[in-house]
Amino acid sequence: MTTETEPAFLEEEERNDFTRYDLLVPEGHHEQLRLDKYITQFIQNATRNKVQEGIRQGWVRVNGLLEKASYRVQPGDEIVIIIPKSPPPEVAGEDIPITIVHEDDDLIVVDKAAGMVVHPSYGNWTGTLVNALMHHAGKLSKTTEDSELRPGIVHRLDKDTSGLLVVAKNDIAHHKLSKQFAEKTVERTYQTVVWGLPQKDTGVIDQPLGRDPSDRKKMAVVAEGKGKNAVTHYKVLKRYDHLAMLDVALETGRTHQIRVHFSWMGHPVLGDPVYGGNAVRYGPNTGSRKSMFQNIFSVLGRQCLHARSLGFEHPASGDWFQFESEIPDDMRNVIEKLDQYCS
């Protein structure tokens, strides 16, 4: 029988370049220990400080996702720890094309392309937005809460979500921008197309988000007290035949928030392979219609979600900065097809 201080499963695997540990938090664990404290119990010769540094370096994933040392472990969590036998590579600048919307002495606003990972981690050491920015700027902020692998990163977008992102060039700017995100004064709006037709033209989704108990690699709407509060505002821009184009504003910024909230409503984001948007959900399932949407999924190749606008107070001047981004070509092509065949 597994006790609350034992993992239900602990496996250690030695490789030439790293050691991997796999832990499964038992269903009987109800202490909700911090991630760093929980791991320290099971890794030989590990200290709390070493574990915290490993978490900052991106060596630890919970259910496939990076978490902070303060994350409270839950029953069923799958924790993977990969400890390299040599230090992780320093973030090298790479000459990767990126779209810079604005740059000054304190920050850079980037229009991120879909398919680009924001920062390096295991499996993605190169080709990230941070690599591109290090080549462009040479130096970005490095705050105590950030690892060497995430310089400048104040907030993130999913790999396959396109749009606007602000990056800090120095620690003072990083601190002030992070404070605005924490205080929910940053304005962020997204444009998306979802399956189905929302009953109201405007609405608010106020549902807490946590790990999906049936698939810990996904997020889900959970019971009050079981997750983090998450609030999403939306406005219907256009109604199609069994689909809708929406303008979405975030009050909070949880992992996969827009995708999970609308999937929970029965309106998954068009093309989303994780939350049910990459199949025909509503309307007649005729051969021609099915073929059209297969073509749309092929053209899009991702969730139909774009970070369209970003507004914040400049950390140095205090002036309000507002930025807008055009819909990228893949989403524009999809919207044109919907205008033609589904209006």
Protein backbone atom coordinates (compact mmCIF):
# COMPACT_ATOMS: atom_id res chain seq x y z
CA MET A 1 0.00 0.00 0.00
CA THR A 2 1.35 3.41 -0.97
CA THR A 3 1.82 5.93 1.82
CA GLU A 4 1.39 9.64 1.37
CA THR A 5 5.17 10.18 1.31
CA GLU A 6 5.78 7.54 -1.36
CA PRO A 7 5.21 8.01 -5.06
CA ALA A 8 2.90 5.43 -6.57
CA PHE A 9 5.64 4.89 -9.15
CA LEU A 10 9.29 5.95 -9.18
CA GLU A 11 11.55 4.94 -12.03
CA GLU A 12 15.14 6.03 -12.57
CA GLU A 13 16.71 5.73 -16.00
CA GLU A 14 20.38 6.40 -16.71
CA ARG A 15 21.36 7.70 -20.15
CA ASN A 16 24.68 8.87 -21.54
CA ASP A 17 23.74 12.53 -21.32
CA PHE A 18 21.04 12.65 -18.63
CA THR A 19 19.23 10.87 -15.82
CA ARG A 20 15.45 10.67 -15.99
CA TYR A 21 13.08 10.20 -13.06
CA ASP A 22 9.37 9.46 -13.46
CA LEU A 23 7.11 10.03 -10.46
CA LEU A 24 3.37 9.45 -10.21
CA VAL A 25 1.68 11.17 -7.27
CA PRO A 26 -0.57 8.59 -5.57
CA GLU A 27 -4.31 9.04 -5.32
CA GLY A 28 -3.94 8.96 -1.54
CA HIS A 29 -1.79 12.08 -1.47
CA HIS A 30 -3.78 14.95 0.02
CA GLU A 31 -1.04 17.14 1.49
CA GLN A 32 -0.74 19.34 -1.63
CA LEU A 33 2.97 19.82 -1.04
CA ARG A 34 4.96 22.31 -3.07
CA LEU A 35 6.55 20.75 -6.13
CA ASP A 36 10.11 21.44 -4.95
CA LYS A 37 9.47 19.93 -1.52
CA TYR A 38 7.74 16.87 -2.97
CA ILE A 39 10.59 16.10 -5.39
CA THR A 40 13.28 16.58 -2.74
CA GLN A 41 11.89 13.59 -0.83
CA PHE A 42 12.63 11.15 -3.65
CA ILE A 43 15.83 12.22 -5.44
CA GLN A 44 18.99 11.03 -3.70
CA ASN A 45 21.33 13.82 -2.55
CA ALA A 46 18.87 16.46 -3.78
CA THR A 47 18.56 19.67 -1.79
CA ARG A 48 15.63 22.06 -1.94
CA ASN A 49 17.83 24.73 -3.57
CA LYS A 50 19.09 22.32 -6.22
CA VAL A 51 15.56 21.19 -7.01
CA GLN A 52 14.37 24.80 -7.27
CA GLU A 53 17.21 25.59 -9.67
CA GLY A 54 16.33 22.52 -11.74
CA ILE A 55 12.72 23.68 -11.95
CA ARG A 56 13.88 27.13 -13.06
CA GLN A 57 16.10 25.53 -15.70
CA GLY A 58 13.13 23.64 -17.13
CA TRP A 59 14.28 20.19 -16.04
CA VAL A 60 10.94 19.35 -14.41
CA ARG A 61 7.57 18.90 -16.09
CA VAL A 62 4.24 18.14 -14.46
CA ASN A 63 1.81 16.42 -16.80
CA GLY A 64 3.95 17.60 -19.70
CA LEU A 65 3.95 21.26 -18.64
CA LEU A 66 6.45 23.53 -16.92
CA GLU A 67 5.36 24.58 -13.43
CA LYS A 68 6.80 26.85 -10.76
CA ALA A 69 8.43 25.46 -7.61
CA SER A 70 5.38 26.70 -5.68
CA TYR A 71 2.99 24.48 -7.67
CA ARG A 72 0.95 22.26 -5.33
CA VAL A 73 1.11 18.62 -6.40
CA GLN A 74 -2.19 16.84 -6.94
CA PRO A 75 -3.16 13.15 -6.87
CA GLY A 76 -2.46 11.63 -10.26
CA ASP A 77 0.17 14.19 -11.28
CA GLU A 78 2.87 12.72 -13.52
CA ILE A 79 6.21 14.35 -12.74
CA VAL A 80 9.14 13.89 -15.11
CA ILE A 81 12.59 15.09 -14.02
CA ILE A 82 15.45 15.13 -16.51
CA ILE A 83 18.83 15.99 -15.00
CA PRO A 84 21.54 16.59 -17.62
CA LYS A 85 25.03 15.27 -16.92
CA SER A 86 26.42 18.43 -18.45
CA PRO A 87 25.01 21.95 -18.04
CA PRO A 88 22.17 22.88 -20.42
CA PRO A 89 23.35 24.93 -23.37
CA GLU A 90 23.36 28.69 -22.99
CA VAL A 91 20.70 30.42 -25.00
CA ALA A 92 22.41 31.24 -28.27
CA GLY A 93 21.25 33.94 -30.60
CA GLU A 94 19.94 32.62 -33.91
CA ASP A 95 19.25 34.57 -37.07
CA ILE A 96 15.56 33.65 -37.28
CA PRO A 97 13.13 36.03 -39.00
CA ILE A 98 10.68 37.61 -36.55
CA THR A 99 8.26 40.51 -36.83
CA ILE A 100 9.10 43.33 -34.42
CA VAL A 101 6.22 45.75 -33.97
CA HIS A 102 7.96 48.12 -31.54
CA GLU A 103 11.32 48.38 -29.81
CA ASP A 104 12.87 50.86 -27.40
CA ASP A 105 15.48 50.77 -24.62
CA ASP A 106 13.17 48.86 -22.27
CA LEU A 107 11.08 46.42 -24.27
CA ILE A 108 10.30 44.71 -27.55
CA VAL A 109 6.80 43.95 -28.86
CA VAL A 110 6.82 40.96 -31.21
CA ASP A 111 4.15 39.59 -33.53
CA LYS A 112 4.87 35.87 -32.99
CA ALA A 113 4.23 33.45 -35.82
CA ALA A 114 2.26 30.27 -35.19
CA GLY A 115 4.49 27.22 -34.78
CA MET A 116 7.23 29.07 -32.88
CA VAL A 117 7.97 28.02 -29.30
CA VAL A 118 8.51 31.02 -27.02
CA HIS A 119 11.58 29.85 -25.06
CA PRO A 120 14.03 26.92 -25.04
CA SER A 121 13.35 23.79 -23.00
CA TYR A 122 14.01 20.09 -23.36
CA GLY A 123 13.13 19.07 -26.89
CA ASN A 124 13.29 22.69 -28.10
CA TRP A 125 16.78 24.01 -27.44
CA THR A 126 16.87 26.02 -30.65
CA GLY A 127 14.58 27.80 -33.05
CA THR A 128 12.62 29.61 -30.34
CA LEU A 129 11.53 33.22 -30.06
CA VAL A 130 14.12 33.78 -27.32
CA ASN A 131 16.89 32.52 -29.63
CA ALA A 132 15.74 34.99 -32.29
CA LEU A 133 15.53 37.87 -29.81
CA MET A 134 18.98 37.16 -28.35
CA HIS A 135 20.40 37.43 -31.88
CA HIS A 136 18.51 40.65 -32.46
CA ALA A 137 19.00 42.41 -29.11
CA GLY A 138 22.05 40.68 -27.65
CA LYS A 139 20.70 40.94 -24.11
CA LEU A 140 17.33 40.62 -22.38
CA SER A 141 16.17 40.82 -18.77
CA LYS A 142 17.22 38.10 -16.33
CA THR A 143 15.22 38.29 -13.14
CA THR A 144 15.55 36.02 -10.13
CA GLU A 145 12.30 34.21 -10.94
CA ASP A 146 13.38 33.47 -14.50
CA SER A 147 15.83 30.81 -15.59
CA GLU A 148 18.71 31.32 -17.98
CA LEU A 149 16.48 29.76 -20.62
CA ARG A 150 13.71 32.38 -20.43
CA PRO A 151 15.39 35.81 -20.58
CA GLY A 152 12.96 38.64 -21.19
CA ILE A 153 9.82 36.52 -21.08
CA VAL A 154 7.03 38.28 -19.17
CA HIS A 155 4.13 36.25 -20.57
CA ARG A 156 3.71 33.48 -23.12
CA LEU A 157 1.62 32.32 -26.03
CA ASP A 158 1.06 28.69 -26.93
CA LYS A 159 3.30 27.40 -29.70
CA ASP A 160 0.44 27.36 -32.21
CA THR A 161 -1.17 30.64 -31.15
CA SER A 162 0.01 33.63 -33.17
CA GLY A 163 0.11 37.28 -32.21
CA LEU A 164 1.45 39.98 -29.92
CA LEU A 165 3.90 39.42 -27.09
CA VAL A 166 5.86 41.96 -25.02
CA VAL A 167 9.43 41.09 -23.97
CA ALA A 168 11.54 42.96 -21.38
CA LYS A 169 15.07 44.12 -22.21
CA ASN A 170 16.09 44.93 -18.63
CA ASP A 171 15.17 43.81 -15.13
CA ILE A 172 13.37 47.01 -14.13
CA ALA A 173 11.09 46.79 -17.16
CA HIS A 174 10.52 43.10 -16.47
CA HIS A 175 9.47 43.76 -12.89
CA LYS A 176 7.08 46.57 -13.83
CA LEU A 177 5.50 44.67 -16.71
CA SER A 178 5.10 41.53 -14.58
CA LYS A 179 3.38 43.64 -11.92
CA GLN A 180 0.86 44.89 -14.50
CA PHE A 181 0.06 41.33 -15.56
CA ALA A 182 -0.36 40.30 -11.91
CA GLU A 183 -2.65 43.27 -11.26
CA LYS A 184 -4.66 42.53 -14.44
CA THR A 185 -4.17 45.98 -15.93
CA VAL A 186 -2.72 44.70 -19.22
CA GLU A 187 -5.33 44.63 -22.00
CA ARG A 188 -5.20 41.58 -24.26
CA THR A 189 -7.68 40.68 -26.97
CA TYR A 190 -7.74 37.71 -29.28
CA GLN A 191 -9.62 36.85 -32.44
CA THR A 192 -10.85 33.32 -32.95
CA VAL A 193 -13.40 31.17 -34.76
CA VAL A 194 -15.30 28.61 -32.71
CA TRP A 195 -17.70 25.80 -33.48
CA GLY A 196 -21.36 26.47 -32.81
CA LEU A 197 -23.29 29.67 -32.18
CA PRO A 198 -23.15 31.29 -28.72
CA GLN A 199 -26.64 32.17 -27.48
CA LYS A 200 -25.67 35.76 -26.61
CA ASP A 201 -23.71 38.30 -28.62
CA THR A 202 -21.59 39.16 -25.57
CA GLY A 203 -20.78 37.15 -22.50
CA VAL A 204 -18.41 36.32 -19.67
CA ILE A 205 -17.06 32.87 -18.83
CA ASP A 206 -16.07 32.78 -15.16
CA GLN A 207 -14.97 29.21 -14.46
CA PRO A 208 -11.89 27.98 -12.56
CA LEU A 209 -9.30 25.98 -14.47
CA GLY A 210 -7.14 23.09 -13.32
CA ARG A 211 -5.70 19.83 -14.55
CA ASP A 212 -8.09 17.55 -16.40
CA PRO A 213 -8.55 14.59 -14.01
CA SER A 214 -8.92 12.19 -16.94
CA ASP A 215 -5.87 13.51 -18.81
CA ARG A 216 -3.36 15.36 -16.67
CA LYS A 217 -1.61 16.82 -19.72
CA LYS A 218 -4.71 18.89 -20.47
CA MET A 219 -6.52 21.65 -18.63
CA ALA A 220 -10.22 21.62 -17.76
CA VAL A 221 -12.95 23.55 -15.97
CA VAL A 222 -12.89 22.25 -12.39
CA ALA A 223 -14.92 22.63 -9.22
CA GLU A 224 -14.56 25.81 -7.16
CA GLY A 225 -11.51 25.57 -4.94
CA LYS A 226 -9.89 22.89 -7.10
CA GLY A 227 -8.21 25.24 -9.59
CA LYS A 228 -7.31 28.84 -10.36
CA ASN A 229 -9.90 31.49 -11.13
CA ALA A 230 -10.18 32.25 -14.84
CA VAL A 231 -12.33 34.92 -16.50
CA THR A 232 -12.85 35.30 -20.25
CA HIS A 233 -14.95 37.99 -21.96
CA TYR A 234 -16.21 37.53 -25.51
CA LYS A 235 -18.14 39.34 -28.23
CA VAL A 236 -19.57 37.75 -31.37
CA LEU A 237 -18.20 39.53 -34.44
CA LYS A 238 -19.88 37.37 -37.07
CA ARG A 239 -22.18 34.36 -37.16
CA TYR A 240 -21.66 31.69 -39.80
CA ASP A 241 -23.48 28.46 -40.51
CA HIS A 242 -22.72 26.57 -37.26
CA LEU A 243 -19.60 28.64 -36.48
CA ALA A 244 -18.88 32.08 -35.01
CA MET A 245 -16.05 34.59 -35.17
CA LEU A 246 -15.32 36.09 -31.76
CA ASP A 247 -13.37 38.89 -30.16
CA VAL A 248 -12.04 37.59 -26.82
CA ALA A 249 -10.55 39.56 -23.92
CA LEU A 250 -8.66 37.96 -21.05
CA GLU A 251 -9.11 39.09 -17.48
CA THR A 252 -6.75 36.33 -16.32
CA GLY A 253 -4.08 34.44 -18.23
CA ARG A 254 -4.29 30.74 -17.41
CA THR A 255 -2.77 27.94 -19.47
CA HIS A 256 -4.98 27.24 -22.53
CA GLN A 257 -7.66 29.50 -20.99
CA ILE A 258 -9.52 30.52 -24.16
CA ARG A 259 -9.33 27.04 -25.66
CA VAL A 260 -10.61 25.33 -22.51
CA HIS A 261 -13.35 27.83 -21.68
CA PHE A 262 -14.92 27.67 -25.12
CA SER A 263 -14.58 23.90 -25.34
CA TRP A 264 -16.38 23.70 -21.98
CA MET A 265 -19.18 25.85 -23.44
CA GLY A 266 -19.52 23.42 -26.34
CA HIS A 267 -17.78 25.83 -28.72
CA PRO A 268 -14.24 24.50 -29.22
CA VAL A 269 -11.81 26.65 -31.18
CA LEU A 270 -11.80 25.69 -34.85
CA GLY A 271 -8.83 23.45 -35.65
CA ASP A 272 -7.81 22.84 -32.02
CA PRO A 273 -6.47 19.25 -31.94
CA VAL A 274 -6.36 19.06 -28.13
CA TYR A 275 -9.81 20.34 -27.13
CA GLY A 276 -12.03 18.94 -29.87
CA GLY A 277 -11.91 21.55 -32.60
CA ASN A 278 -10.31 19.58 -35.43
CA ALA A 279 -13.42 17.67 -36.52
CA VAL A 280 -16.81 18.75 -37.88
CA ARG A 281 -18.78 19.46 -34.70
CA TYR A 282 -22.04 21.01 -35.91
CA GLY A 283 -24.11 21.11 -39.07
CA PRO A 284 -24.72 18.52 -41.79
CA ASN A 285 -21.92 16.02 -42.19
CA THR A 286 -22.22 15.75 -45.97
CA GLY A 287 -19.31 14.66 -48.11
CA SER A 288 -18.78 18.09 -49.64
CA ARG A 289 -18.97 19.90 -46.29
CA LYS A 290 -16.67 17.38 -44.65
CA SER A 291 -14.21 17.77 -47.54
CA MET A 292 -14.30 21.56 -47.19
CA PHE A 293 -13.45 21.42 -43.49
CA GLN A 294 -10.70 18.87 -44.06
CA ASN A 295 -9.23 21.43 -46.44
CA ILE A 296 -9.62 24.14 -43.80
CA PHE A 297 -7.88 21.98 -41.18
CA SER A 298 -5.07 21.34 -43.66
CA VAL A 299 -4.65 25.05 -44.47
CA LEU A 300 -4.80 26.06 -40.81
CA GLY A 301 -2.85 23.24 -39.18
CA ARG A 302 -3.47 24.68 -35.70
CA GLN A 303 -6.05 26.28 -33.45
CA CYS A 304 -7.67 29.32 -35.07
CA LEU A 305 -6.51 31.78 -32.40
CA HIS A 306 -4.61 35.05 -32.76
CA ALA A 307 -3.49 37.55 -30.10
CA ARG A 308 -4.80 40.60 -31.94
CA SER A 309 -4.17 43.51 -29.56
CA LEU A 310 -1.99 44.30 -26.56
CA GLY A 311 -2.10 47.37 -24.32
CA PHE A 312 0.02 48.24 -21.29
CA GLU A 313 1.63 51.12 -19.40
CA HIS A 314 5.19 51.69 -20.55
CA PRO A 315 7.49 50.74 -17.63
CA ALA A 316 9.72 53.82 -18.06
CA SER A 317 7.49 56.67 -19.26
CA GLY A 318 4.16 55.58 -17.77
CA ASP A 319 2.47 56.28 -21.12
CA TRP A 320 -0.19 53.88 -22.36
CA PHE A 321 1.03 51.82 -25.32
CA GLN A 322 -1.49 50.06 -27.57
CA PHE A 323 -0.61 47.66 -30.39
CA GLU A 324 -2.69 45.89 -33.03
CA SER A 325 -1.83 42.90 -35.21
CA GLU A 326 -3.35 41.88 -38.53
CA ILE A 327 -4.86 38.42 -38.81
CA PRO A 328 -2.18 36.08 -40.27
CA ASP A 329 -2.56 34.58 -43.73
CA ASP A 330 -3.60 31.09 -42.61
CA MET A 331 -6.50 32.42 -40.53
CA ARG A 332 -7.39 34.97 -43.21
CA ASN A 333 -7.66 32.16 -45.78
CA VAL A 334 -9.93 30.19 -43.46
CA ILE A 335 -12.17 33.21 -42.82
CA GLU A 336 -12.44 33.83 -46.56
CA LYS A 337 -13.58 30.24 -47.07
CA LEU A 338 -16.16 30.61 -44.30
CA ASP A 339 -17.38 33.89 -45.82
CA GLN A 340 -17.77 32.13 -49.15
CA TYR A 341 -19.33 28.84 -48.11
CA CYS A 342 -20.79 29.25 -44.61
CA SER A 343 -22.36 32.72 -44.50
